[in-house]
Amino acid sequence: MFGTYSLWLGFKDDDEKYLFDVIKKLSSENQSPIFTPHLTLIGDVHIDPTKLSQITDEIIKDTKPFT
């Protein structure tokens, strides 16, 4: 079954907390939405989730973690 999906990169816990605190502060100052820190690799694609998983596995199979 097809759906609409996005593929995000997330952050390590300490980095996510730091970035989330920055986002909350800026959101409050600018009356804007608060959101989870992330990097969008692919946004709002209509695809079978199994196919998206296969594509993702292929992309990351030789990728080392960022440190």
Protein backbone atom coordinates (compact mmCIF):
# COMPACT_ATOMS: atom_id res chain seq x y z
CA MET A 1 0.00 0.00 0.00
CA PHE A 2 1.32 3.39 -0.96
CA GLY A 3 1.49 6.35 1.40
CA THR A 4 3.19 9.71 1.67
CA TYR A 5 6.51 9.58 3.50
CA SER A 6 9.51 11.71 4.33
CA LEU A 7 13.00 10.50 5.15
CA TRP A 8 14.79 12.39 7.94
CA LEU A 9 18.22 12.28 9.51
CA GLY A 10 18.14 12.68 13.26
CA PHE A 11 20.72 13.72 15.84
CA LYS A 12 22.35 12.11 18.84
CA ASP A 13 20.45 12.74 22.09
CA ASP A 14 22.69 15.56 23.42
CA ASP A 15 22.73 17.34 20.06
CA GLU A 16 18.98 16.95 19.62
CA LYS A 17 18.31 18.41 23.08
CA TYR A 18 20.59 21.39 22.38
CA LEU A 19 18.98 22.05 18.99
CA PHE A 20 15.47 21.57 20.38
CA ASP A 21 16.18 24.17 23.09
CA VAL A 22 17.38 26.62 20.41
CA ILE A 23 14.27 25.93 18.31
CA LYS A 24 11.97 26.46 21.31
CA LYS A 25 13.65 29.79 22.14
CA LEU A 26 13.49 31.05 18.56
CA SER A 27 9.93 29.80 18.15
CA SER A 28 8.85 31.72 21.23
CA GLU A 29 10.61 34.89 20.09
CA ASN A 30 9.10 34.68 16.59
CA GLN A 31 5.69 33.12 17.36
CA SER A 32 6.49 30.17 15.09
CA PRO A 33 5.92 26.41 15.44
CA ILE A 34 8.16 24.19 17.55
CA PHE A 35 9.43 21.11 15.72
CA THR A 36 11.80 18.20 16.21
CA PRO A 37 15.32 18.97 14.93
CA HIS A 38 16.05 16.99 11.77
CA LEU A 39 17.48 17.11 8.26
CA THR A 40 14.98 16.21 5.55
CA LEU A 41 16.55 14.01 2.89
CA ILE A 42 13.35 13.28 0.98
CA GLY A 43 10.07 15.03 1.63
CA ASP A 44 6.48 13.99 0.98
CA VAL A 45 7.02 11.22 -1.57
CA HIS A 46 4.22 8.86 -2.55
CA ILE A 47 5.81 5.41 -2.35
CA ASP A 48 5.36 1.88 -1.07
CA PRO A 49 7.05 1.77 2.37
CA THR A 50 8.78 -1.51 1.48
CA LYS A 51 10.34 0.13 -1.58
CA LEU A 52 11.40 3.16 0.47
CA SER A 53 13.04 0.83 2.99
CA GLN A 54 14.92 -0.97 0.18
CA ILE A 55 16.11 2.34 -1.27
CA THR A 56 17.21 3.54 2.17
CA ASP A 57 19.09 0.30 2.87
CA GLU A 58 20.90 0.63 -0.46
CA ILE A 59 21.87 4.24 0.24
CA ILE A 60 23.25 3.57 3.71
CA LYS A 61 24.90 0.19 3.23
CA ASP A 62 28.38 1.69 2.66
CA THR A 63 27.88 4.90 4.65
CA LYS A 64 29.79 5.36 7.88
CA PRO A 65 28.14 7.22 10.78
CA PHE A 66 28.94 10.91 11.15
CA THR A 67 31.02 11.53 14.24
